[in-house]
N, C-alpha and C. Protein backbone atom coordinates (compact mmCIF):
# COMPACT_ATOMS: atom_id res chain seq x y z
N MET A 1 0.76 -1.26 0.08
CA MET A 1 -0.07 0.05 0.02
C MET A 1 0.79 1.25 -0.01
N GLU A 2 1.97 1.19 0.67
CA GLU A 2 2.86 2.38 0.82
C GLU A 2 3.44 2.69 -0.54
N ARG A 3 3.62 1.71 -1.35
CA ARG A 3 4.22 1.95 -2.77
C ARG A 3 3.15 2.65 -3.52
N TYR A 4 1.96 2.43 -3.46
CA TYR A 4 0.92 3.16 -4.23
C TYR A 4 0.79 4.44 -3.57
N ASP A 5 0.75 4.69 -2.34
CA ASP A 5 0.71 5.89 -1.75
C ASP A 5 1.85 6.89 -2.25
N ARG A 6 3.10 6.25 -2.33
CA ARG A 6 4.26 7.00 -2.77
C ARG A 6 4.14 7.57 -4.27
N TRP A 7 3.62 6.51 -5.12
CA TRP A 7 3.35 7.02 -6.57
C TRP A 7 2.17 8.08 -6.61
N LEU A 8 1.25 7.71 -5.96
CA LEU A 8 0.11 8.65 -6.08
C LEU A 8 0.38 10.19 -5.49
N SER A 9 1.24 10.11 -4.43
CA SER A 9 1.56 11.47 -3.82
C SER A 9 2.56 12.20 -4.84
N LEU A 10 3.35 11.50 -5.63
CA LEU A 10 4.18 12.19 -6.59
C LEU A 10 3.26 12.70 -7.77
N ILE A 11 2.20 11.85 -8.13
CA ILE A 11 1.30 12.35 -9.14
C ILE A 11 0.55 13.67 -8.68
N TRP A 12 0.15 13.72 -7.37
CA TRP A 12 -0.58 14.92 -6.90
C TRP A 12 0.37 15.94 -6.76
N MET A 13 1.64 15.82 -6.44
CA MET A 13 2.61 16.89 -6.34
C MET A 13 2.79 17.57 -7.81
N ALA A 14 2.75 16.69 -8.78
CA ALA A 14 2.98 17.16 -10.11
C ALA A 14 1.64 18.03 -10.55
N LEU A 15 0.54 17.45 -10.13
CA LEU A 15 -0.77 18.22 -10.43
C LEU A 15 -0.80 19.50 -9.77
N GLY A 16 -0.35 19.53 -8.47
CA GLY A 16 -0.41 20.80 -7.72
C GLY A 16 0.62 21.78 -8.25
N LEU A 17 1.88 21.32 -8.64
CA LEU A 17 2.81 22.13 -9.33
C LEU A 17 2.29 22.75 -10.61
N GLY A 18 1.50 21.95 -11.39
CA GLY A 18 1.01 22.47 -12.57
C GLY A 18 -0.09 23.43 -12.38
N GLN A 19 -0.91 23.22 -11.36
CA GLN A 19 -1.90 24.24 -10.86
C GLN A 19 -1.31 25.47 -10.41
N CYS A 20 -0.21 25.45 -9.72
CA CYS A 20 0.55 26.65 -9.26
C CYS A 20 1.16 27.40 -10.44
N ILE A 21 1.61 26.64 -11.37
CA ILE A 21 2.20 27.39 -12.73
C ILE A 21 1.02 28.06 -13.51
N GLU A 22 -0.03 27.32 -13.57
CA GLU A 22 -1.07 28.09 -14.45
C GLU A 22 -1.78 29.16 -13.79
N SER A 23 -1.90 29.03 -12.45
CA SER A 23 -2.49 30.15 -11.73
C SER A 23 -1.65 31.33 -11.63
N TRP A 24 -0.31 31.06 -11.57
CA TRP A 24 0.76 32.16 -11.66
C TRP A 24 0.57 32.89 -12.97
N ARG A 25 0.27 32.12 -14.07
CA ARG A 25 -0.01 32.84 -15.35
C ARG A 25 -1.23 33.77 -15.41
N LEU A 26 -2.15 33.42 -14.63
CA LEU A 26 -3.34 34.11 -14.49
C LEU A 26 -3.17 35.57 -13.67
N GLY A 27 -2.09 35.60 -12.82
CA GLY A 27 -1.99 36.66 -12.07
C GLY A 27 -2.39 36.45 -10.59
N LEU A 28 -1.50 36.61 -9.78
CA LEU A 28 -1.99 36.48 -8.39
C LEU A 28 -2.53 37.65 -7.63
N GLY A 29 -1.90 38.88 -7.91
CA GLY A 29 -2.26 40.13 -7.22
C GLY A 29 -1.76 39.99 -5.91
N SER A 30 -2.42 40.60 -4.75
CA SER A 30 -2.01 40.55 -3.44
C SER A 30 -3.08 40.04 -2.46
N VAL A 31 -2.91 39.91 -1.30
CA VAL A 31 -3.84 39.43 -0.28
C VAL A 31 -4.96 40.37 -0.22
N SER A 32 -4.58 41.72 -0.21
CA SER A 32 -5.77 42.68 -0.17
C SER A 32 -6.41 42.86 -1.50
N GLU A 33 -5.87 42.57 -2.61
CA GLU A 33 -6.53 42.74 -3.92
C GLU A 33 -6.11 41.59 -4.70
N PRO A 34 -6.68 40.37 -4.40
CA PRO A 34 -6.31 39.20 -5.19
C PRO A 34 -6.82 39.21 -6.64
N GLU A 35 -6.22 38.59 -7.59
CA GLU A 35 -6.57 38.40 -8.93
C GLU A 35 -7.10 36.92 -9.06
N SER A 36 -7.40 36.62 -10.32
CA SER A 36 -8.10 35.36 -10.58
C SER A 36 -7.18 34.22 -10.33
N GLY A 37 -5.91 34.31 -10.27
CA GLY A 37 -5.05 33.13 -10.03
C GLY A 37 -4.65 32.96 -8.48
N PHE A 38 -4.94 33.90 -7.67
CA PHE A 38 -4.61 33.81 -6.34
C PHE A 38 -5.20 32.60 -5.52
N MET A 39 -6.44 32.39 -5.61
CA MET A 39 -7.05 31.18 -4.88
C MET A 39 -6.55 29.84 -5.50
N PRO A 40 -6.67 29.65 -6.77
CA PRO A 40 -6.01 28.41 -7.32
C PRO A 40 -4.58 28.12 -6.88
N PHE A 41 -3.75 29.28 -6.80
CA PHE A 41 -2.34 29.10 -6.42
C PHE A 41 -2.37 28.72 -5.00
N VAL A 42 -3.17 29.09 -4.19
CA VAL A 42 -3.03 28.75 -2.71
C VAL A 42 -3.51 27.25 -2.51
N LEU A 43 -4.54 26.90 -3.36
CA LEU A 43 -4.99 25.60 -3.36
C LEU A 43 -3.95 24.64 -3.88
N GLY A 44 -3.21 25.01 -4.98
CA GLY A 44 -2.23 24.18 -5.39
C GLY A 44 -1.03 23.94 -4.51
N LEU A 45 -0.64 24.95 -3.68
CA LEU A 45 0.29 24.90 -2.54
C LEU A 45 -0.32 23.93 -1.60
N GLY A 46 -1.60 23.92 -1.34
CA GLY A 46 -2.15 22.98 -0.38
C GLY A 46 -2.00 21.54 -0.92
N ILE A 47 -2.32 21.33 -2.11
CA ILE A 47 -2.31 19.93 -2.66
C ILE A 47 -0.74 19.61 -2.64
N ILE A 48 0.20 20.39 -2.94
CA ILE A 48 1.62 20.02 -2.81
C ILE A 48 1.96 19.71 -1.44
N ALA A 49 1.59 20.46 -0.49
CA ALA A 49 1.86 20.15 1.05
C ALA A 49 1.33 18.86 1.32
N LEU A 50 0.05 18.59 1.10
CA LEU A 50 -0.55 17.32 1.60
C LEU A 50 0.01 16.14 0.90
N SER A 51 0.38 16.16 -0.41
CA SER A 51 1.02 14.99 -1.11
C SER A 51 2.42 14.94 -0.48
N THR A 52 3.16 15.96 -0.20
CA THR A 52 4.40 15.81 0.44
C THR A 52 4.29 15.04 1.67
N ILE A 53 3.36 15.29 2.61
CA ILE A 53 3.01 14.72 3.84
C ILE A 53 2.88 13.17 3.58
N LEU A 54 2.01 12.98 2.57
CA LEU A 54 1.67 11.57 2.22
C LEU A 54 3.04 10.77 1.82
N TRP A 55 3.79 11.47 0.97
CA TRP A 55 4.96 10.89 0.56
C TRP A 55 5.91 10.35 1.56
N VAL A 56 6.17 11.38 2.53
CA VAL A 56 7.07 11.20 3.71
C VAL A 56 6.45 10.01 4.55
N GLU A 57 5.12 10.00 4.84
CA GLU A 57 4.48 9.28 5.64
C GLU A 57 4.60 7.70 4.96
N SER A 58 4.53 7.58 3.62
CA SER A 58 4.65 6.28 2.97
C SER A 58 6.06 5.69 3.37
N PHE A 59 7.14 6.48 3.39
CA PHE A 59 8.43 5.87 3.85
C PHE A 59 8.31 5.59 5.31
N LEU A 60 7.88 6.37 6.19
CA LEU A 60 7.89 6.11 7.65
C LEU A 60 7.09 4.89 7.91
N SER A 61 5.98 4.71 7.34
CA SER A 61 5.14 3.53 7.73
C SER A 61 5.63 2.29 7.15
N LEU A 62 6.45 2.30 6.12
CA LEU A 62 7.23 1.23 5.60
C LEU A 62 8.27 0.74 6.56
N LYS A 63 8.87 1.54 7.22
CA LYS A 63 9.98 1.19 8.18
C LYS A 63 9.32 0.72 9.46
N ARG A 64 8.13 1.22 9.76
CA ARG A 64 7.50 0.70 11.00
C ARG A 64 6.85 -0.64 10.90
N MET A 65 6.19 -0.98 9.75
CA MET A 65 5.59 -2.27 9.58
C MET A 65 6.04 -2.92 8.29
N PRO A 66 7.17 -3.45 8.20
CA PRO A 66 7.55 -4.12 6.88
C PRO A 66 6.79 -5.46 6.66
N GLY A 67 6.31 -5.60 5.46
CA GLY A 67 5.67 -6.89 5.21
C GLY A 67 4.14 -6.96 5.53
N GLN A 68 3.61 -5.96 6.14
CA GLN A 68 2.25 -6.11 6.58
C GLN A 68 1.45 -5.27 5.50
N LYS A 69 0.54 -6.06 4.88
CA LYS A 69 -0.14 -5.35 3.80
C LYS A 69 -1.55 -5.31 4.19
N THR A 70 -2.33 -4.15 4.07
CA THR A 70 -3.58 -4.06 4.25
C THR A 70 -4.32 -3.19 3.20
N SER A 71 -5.54 -3.31 2.81
CA SER A 71 -6.15 -2.52 1.94
C SER A 71 -6.79 -1.29 2.63
N ALA A 72 -6.66 -0.31 1.96
CA ALA A 72 -7.30 0.94 2.54
C ALA A 72 -8.85 0.87 2.66
N TRP A 73 -9.42 0.08 1.75
CA TRP A 73 -10.90 -0.12 1.71
C TRP A 73 -11.44 -1.31 2.54
N ALA A 74 -10.49 -1.98 3.31
CA ALA A 74 -10.97 -3.20 3.95
C ALA A 74 -11.90 -2.79 5.26
N GLU A 75 -11.69 -1.65 5.79
CA GLU A 75 -12.53 -1.31 6.97
C GLU A 75 -13.67 -0.24 6.49
N ALA A 76 -13.88 -0.16 5.35
CA ALA A 76 -14.80 0.79 4.80
C ALA A 76 -16.31 0.38 5.14
N ASP A 77 -17.18 1.07 5.70
CA ASP A 77 -18.54 0.84 5.84
C ASP A 77 -19.40 1.28 4.66
N TRP A 78 -19.58 0.24 3.74
CA TRP A 78 -20.06 0.66 2.44
C TRP A 78 -21.52 1.16 2.45
N ARG A 79 -22.34 0.48 3.47
CA ARG A 79 -23.73 0.96 3.57
C ARG A 79 -23.79 2.45 3.93
N ARG A 80 -22.98 2.85 4.93
CA ARG A 80 -22.90 4.29 5.18
C ARG A 80 -22.38 5.25 4.15
N ILE A 81 -21.39 4.65 3.41
CA ILE A 81 -20.83 5.48 2.31
C ILE A 81 -22.10 5.71 1.21
N LEU A 82 -22.80 4.66 1.01
CA LEU A 82 -23.81 4.84 -0.03
C LEU A 82 -24.87 5.70 0.54
N TRP A 83 -25.27 5.51 1.68
CA TRP A 83 -26.23 6.39 2.40
C TRP A 83 -25.94 7.85 2.38
N VAL A 84 -24.76 8.23 2.75
CA VAL A 84 -24.21 9.57 2.74
C VAL A 84 -24.19 10.06 1.21
N SER A 85 -23.70 9.29 0.40
CA SER A 85 -23.93 9.76 -1.13
C SER A 85 -25.14 9.99 -1.65
N LEU A 86 -26.08 9.18 -1.12
CA LEU A 86 -27.52 9.28 -1.53
C LEU A 86 -28.11 10.45 -0.96
N LEU A 87 -27.75 10.84 0.20
CA LEU A 87 -28.24 12.02 0.98
C LEU A 87 -27.67 13.33 0.24
N LEU A 88 -26.40 13.20 -0.08
CA LEU A 88 -25.73 14.42 -0.77
C LEU A 88 -26.46 14.61 -2.23
N LEU A 89 -26.65 13.52 -3.03
CA LEU A 89 -27.43 13.60 -4.19
C LEU A 89 -28.89 14.14 -4.00
N GLY A 90 -29.55 13.72 -2.96
CA GLY A 90 -30.86 14.26 -2.77
C GLY A 90 -30.80 15.77 -2.39
N TYR A 91 -29.85 16.10 -1.67
CA TYR A 91 -29.53 17.49 -1.27
C TYR A 91 -29.50 18.43 -2.55
N ALA A 92 -28.65 17.88 -3.35
CA ALA A 92 -28.31 18.58 -4.69
C ALA A 92 -29.63 18.79 -5.44
N LEU A 93 -30.49 17.70 -5.53
CA LEU A 93 -31.54 17.66 -6.41
C LEU A 93 -32.79 18.68 -5.75
N LEU A 94 -32.80 18.39 -4.41
CA LEU A 94 -33.93 19.12 -3.80
C LEU A 94 -33.67 20.51 -3.33
N LEU A 95 -32.42 20.97 -3.36
CA LEU A 95 -31.96 22.38 -2.83
C LEU A 95 -32.77 23.47 -3.70
N PRO A 96 -32.91 23.46 -5.01
CA PRO A 96 -33.78 24.45 -5.68
C PRO A 96 -35.22 24.43 -5.26
N LYS A 97 -35.75 23.17 -5.14
CA LYS A 97 -37.22 23.07 -4.89
C LYS A 97 -37.62 23.41 -3.38
N LEU A 98 -36.70 22.97 -2.41
CA LEU A 98 -36.99 23.20 -1.07
C LEU A 98 -36.53 24.47 -0.48
N GLY A 99 -35.37 24.94 -1.14
CA GLY A 99 -34.71 26.18 -0.65
C GLY A 99 -33.70 25.68 0.34
N TYR A 100 -32.71 26.74 0.51
CA TYR A 100 -31.60 26.46 1.25
C TYR A 100 -31.75 26.03 2.65
N LEU A 101 -32.64 26.86 3.38
CA LEU A 101 -32.84 26.64 4.73
C LEU A 101 -33.49 25.22 5.06
N LEU A 102 -34.65 24.78 4.38
CA LEU A 102 -35.09 23.52 4.57
C LEU A 102 -34.29 22.42 4.23
N ALA A 103 -33.67 22.46 2.99
CA ALA A 103 -32.96 21.42 2.57
C ALA A 103 -31.62 21.14 3.31
N THR A 104 -30.96 22.22 3.81
CA THR A 104 -29.90 22.14 4.66
C THR A 104 -30.34 21.44 6.08
N PHE A 105 -31.32 21.95 6.54
CA PHE A 105 -31.76 21.43 7.94
C PHE A 105 -32.02 19.99 7.79
N LEU A 106 -32.77 19.51 6.73
CA LEU A 106 -32.89 18.10 6.53
C LEU A 106 -31.66 17.36 6.27
N LEU A 107 -30.81 17.73 5.47
CA LEU A 107 -29.49 17.21 5.21
C LEU A 107 -28.80 17.00 6.64
N THR A 108 -28.59 18.12 7.36
CA THR A 108 -27.86 17.95 8.65
C THR A 108 -28.53 17.04 9.58
N VAL A 109 -29.80 16.90 9.64
CA VAL A 109 -30.39 16.13 10.64
C VAL A 109 -30.29 14.67 10.12
N PHE A 110 -30.46 14.31 8.96
CA PHE A 110 -30.15 12.93 8.51
C PHE A 110 -28.82 12.50 8.56
N LEU A 111 -27.86 13.45 8.20
CA LEU A 111 -26.46 13.11 8.34
C LEU A 111 -26.10 12.85 9.92
N LEU A 112 -26.55 13.70 10.74
CA LEU A 112 -26.30 13.34 12.29
C LEU A 112 -27.02 12.03 12.70
N LYS A 113 -28.10 11.69 12.24
CA LYS A 113 -28.84 10.55 12.55
C LYS A 113 -28.01 9.28 11.87
N SER A 114 -27.44 9.50 10.84
CA SER A 114 -26.82 8.30 10.17
C SER A 114 -25.42 7.96 10.63
N GLY A 115 -24.76 8.88 11.38
CA GLY A 115 -23.47 8.66 12.14
C GLY A 115 -23.81 7.91 13.34
N GLU A 116 -23.02 8.48 14.38
CA GLU A 116 -23.32 7.96 15.67
C GLU A 116 -24.70 8.14 16.12
N PRO A 117 -25.35 7.21 16.68
CA PRO A 117 -26.61 7.42 17.14
C PRO A 117 -26.85 8.73 18.02
N MET A 118 -27.82 9.58 17.66
CA MET A 118 -27.97 10.79 18.24
C MET A 118 -29.46 10.82 18.59
N LYS A 119 -29.87 11.38 19.64
CA LYS A 119 -31.34 11.59 19.85
C LYS A 119 -31.95 12.56 19.05
N TRP A 120 -33.12 12.40 18.71
CA TRP A 120 -33.81 13.29 17.81
C TRP A 120 -33.83 14.78 18.14
N PRO A 121 -34.19 15.09 19.49
CA PRO A 121 -34.18 16.50 19.79
C PRO A 121 -32.77 17.15 19.62
N ALA A 122 -31.58 16.52 19.92
CA ALA A 122 -30.27 16.94 19.61
C ALA A 122 -29.98 17.05 18.10
N SER A 123 -30.52 16.25 17.34
CA SER A 123 -30.25 16.26 15.85
C SER A 123 -31.09 17.56 15.26
N LEU A 124 -32.36 17.58 15.83
CA LEU A 124 -33.27 18.74 15.23
C LEU A 124 -32.56 19.99 15.62
N LEU A 125 -32.13 20.12 16.88
CA LEU A 125 -31.53 21.42 17.34
C LEU A 125 -30.26 21.80 16.47
N ILE A 126 -29.54 20.90 16.38
CA ILE A 126 -28.15 21.04 15.61
C ILE A 126 -28.52 21.39 14.20
N GLY A 127 -29.49 20.70 13.57
CA GLY A 127 -29.80 21.10 12.26
C GLY A 127 -30.40 22.35 12.17
N LEU A 128 -31.22 22.75 13.06
CA LEU A 128 -31.72 24.21 12.98
C LEU A 128 -30.61 25.31 13.15
N LEU A 129 -29.81 25.03 14.18
CA LEU A 129 -28.63 25.96 14.39
C LEU A 129 -27.73 25.90 13.05
N THR A 130 -27.58 24.84 12.50
CA THR A 130 -26.59 24.90 11.41
C THR A 130 -27.12 25.58 10.15
N SER A 131 -28.30 25.30 9.89
CA SER A 131 -29.03 25.86 8.58
C SER A 131 -29.23 27.37 9.08
N GLY A 132 -29.75 27.74 10.17
CA GLY A 132 -29.93 29.16 10.50
C GLY A 132 -28.62 29.89 10.45
N LEU A 133 -27.72 29.54 11.09
CA LEU A 133 -26.40 30.12 11.28
C LEU A 133 -25.62 30.44 9.96
N THR A 134 -25.59 29.31 9.24
CA THR A 134 -24.89 29.42 7.91
C THR A 134 -25.79 30.35 6.97
N TYR A 135 -27.13 30.42 7.09
CA TYR A 135 -27.88 31.21 6.33
C TYR A 135 -27.60 32.64 6.76
N TRP A 136 -27.52 33.05 8.05
CA TRP A 136 -27.39 34.32 8.40
C TRP A 136 -25.97 34.75 8.11
N ILE A 137 -24.89 33.89 8.22
CA ILE A 137 -23.63 34.39 7.84
C ILE A 137 -23.46 34.61 6.34
N PHE A 138 -23.84 33.72 5.58
CA PHE A 138 -23.79 33.79 4.15
C PHE A 138 -24.82 34.60 3.42
N GLY A 139 -26.08 34.25 3.78
CA GLY A 139 -27.28 34.92 3.19
C GLY A 139 -27.55 36.31 3.55
N VAL A 140 -27.25 36.52 4.77
CA VAL A 140 -27.72 37.89 5.41
C VAL A 140 -26.44 38.75 5.51
N TRP A 141 -25.45 38.26 6.16
CA TRP A 141 -24.22 39.11 6.39
C TRP A 141 -23.33 39.39 5.20
N LEU A 142 -23.32 38.26 4.40
CA LEU A 142 -22.34 38.43 3.15
C LEU A 142 -23.06 38.58 1.82
N SER A 143 -24.44 38.49 1.98
CA SER A 143 -25.23 38.76 0.84
C SER A 143 -25.11 37.75 -0.38
N VAL A 144 -24.97 36.44 0.00
CA VAL A 144 -24.82 35.46 -0.88
C VAL A 144 -26.24 35.00 -1.32
N PRO A 145 -26.64 34.99 -2.56
CA PRO A 145 -27.95 34.59 -2.80
C PRO A 145 -28.22 33.00 -2.76
N PHE A 146 -29.19 32.60 -2.14
CA PHE A 146 -29.48 31.16 -1.95
C PHE A 146 -30.68 30.89 -2.70
N PRO A 147 -30.96 29.57 -3.01
CA PRO A 147 -32.31 29.27 -3.62
C PRO A 147 -33.36 29.37 -2.58
N ARG A 148 -34.45 29.95 -2.78
CA ARG A 148 -35.51 30.34 -1.86
C ARG A 148 -36.48 28.96 -1.71
N GLY A 149 -36.70 28.30 -2.85
CA GLY A 149 -37.67 27.26 -2.79
C GLY A 149 -39.05 27.54 -2.73
N PHE A 150 -39.94 26.72 -2.49
CA PHE A 150 -41.42 26.98 -2.55
C PHE A 150 -41.87 27.71 -1.35
N LEU A 151 -41.17 27.86 -0.22
CA LEU A 151 -41.59 28.53 0.95
C LEU A 151 -41.23 30.01 0.77
N SER A 152 -40.31 30.32 -0.10
CA SER A 152 -39.86 31.72 -0.23
C SER A 152 -39.05 32.32 0.77
N PHE A 153 -38.28 31.51 1.56
CA PHE A 153 -37.35 32.07 2.55
C PHE A 153 -36.06 31.42 2.61
């Protein structure tokens, strides 16, 4: 597994470097006045940093456990992965119809119920706070337009 991690990390390093080069060509600007290449450049640096960490970790884990081979997917809970994927797909499809507040509330509640078992009142409260707070920050404070849905809020 470490060998695959090593090769994949090198591929990601190359992709991150390519992203940095192309975003540099777009122009970076400054922190106070960023141009179109600024954010892709920062994200490319993040990709390079994370892939470098994976690359170093692949060598360290090889020294710790020589000969032990495990699959990264052996411990995956496929039912939970499928459930979360279906929830996110449903969220994307229902967001324009239900609106941001209701769709985000429902997604948060069902995600909380699908993870570690949580009581309904706690899930409903966290869902309400999450959808309300994110709407207030992005919709009201930062004036980001959200889908209103059939309830018009």
